[in-house]
């Protein structure tokens, strides 16, 4: 995974960002994945080195 500086914060974040809009509770929208459905995708992102999550 490649990392870049996040502005002048001193933080290094992955060049790839995982958007989190589709994870949560299907009661909000029917296309939202449940926690059980989301967990493998988020785990794979973390294992790949992604540390930048758009909430």
Protein backbone atom coordinates (compact mmCIF):
# COMPACT_ATOMS: atom_id res chain seq x y z
CA UNK A 1 0.00 0.00 0.00
CA UNK A 2 1.22 3.49 -0.78
CA UNK A 3 0.85 6.21 1.83
CA UNK A 4 0.84 10.00 1.58
CA UNK A 5 0.94 12.84 4.09
CA UNK A 6 -2.46 14.18 5.06
CA UNK A 7 -1.86 17.89 4.61
CA UNK A 8 0.36 19.27 7.36
CA UNK A 9 -1.06 17.01 10.09
CA UNK A 10 1.91 14.66 10.19
CA UNK A 11 -0.44 11.74 9.53
CA UNK A 12 0.33 9.23 6.79
CA UNK A 13 -2.75 7.80 5.15
CA UNK A 14 -3.24 5.20 2.46
CA UNK A 15 -3.67 6.52 -1.07
CA UNK A 16 -6.83 4.45 -1.22
CA UNK A 17 -9.81 5.45 0.88
CA UNK A 18 -12.72 3.18 1.75
CA UNK A 19 -16.05 5.01 1.70
CA UNK A 20 -18.29 3.85 4.53
CA UNK A 21 -21.67 5.13 3.35
CA UNK A 22 -22.91 1.65 2.40
CA UNK A 23 -22.21 0.16 5.83
CA UNK A 24 -24.53 0.52 8.80
CA UNK A 25 -28.18 -0.28 9.21
CA UNK A 26 -30.53 -1.27 6.38
CA UNK A 27 -33.36 0.46 8.25
CA UNK A 28 -31.93 3.73 6.92
CA UNK A 29 -31.76 2.59 3.26
CA UNK A 30 -32.36 -0.84 1.74
CA UNK A 31 -28.97 -0.83 -0.04
CA UNK A 32 -27.00 -0.53 3.23
CA UNK A 33 -25.03 -3.62 4.24
CA UNK A 34 -25.46 -5.05 7.72
CA UNK A 35 -22.55 -5.27 10.15
CA UNK A 36 -22.14 -8.99 9.39
CA UNK A 37 -22.05 -8.31 5.64
CA UNK A 38 -19.67 -5.35 6.06
CA UNK A 39 -17.15 -6.95 8.39
CA UNK A 40 -15.28 -9.07 5.76
CA UNK A 41 -14.95 -6.09 3.41
CA UNK A 42 -13.61 -3.78 6.10
CA UNK A 43 -11.27 -6.49 7.41
CA UNK A 44 -9.88 -7.03 3.90
CA UNK A 45 -9.28 -3.29 3.55
CA UNK A 46 -7.40 -3.15 6.86
CA UNK A 47 -5.34 -6.22 5.95
CA UNK A 48 -4.47 -4.56 2.62
CA UNK A 49 -3.11 -1.55 4.52
CA UNK A 50 -5.97 0.89 4.08
CA UNK A 51 -6.12 3.27 7.03
CA UNK A 52 -8.19 6.05 5.44
CA UNK A 53 -11.95 5.68 5.88
CA UNK A 54 -14.47 8.25 4.67
CA UNK A 55 -17.33 8.43 7.12
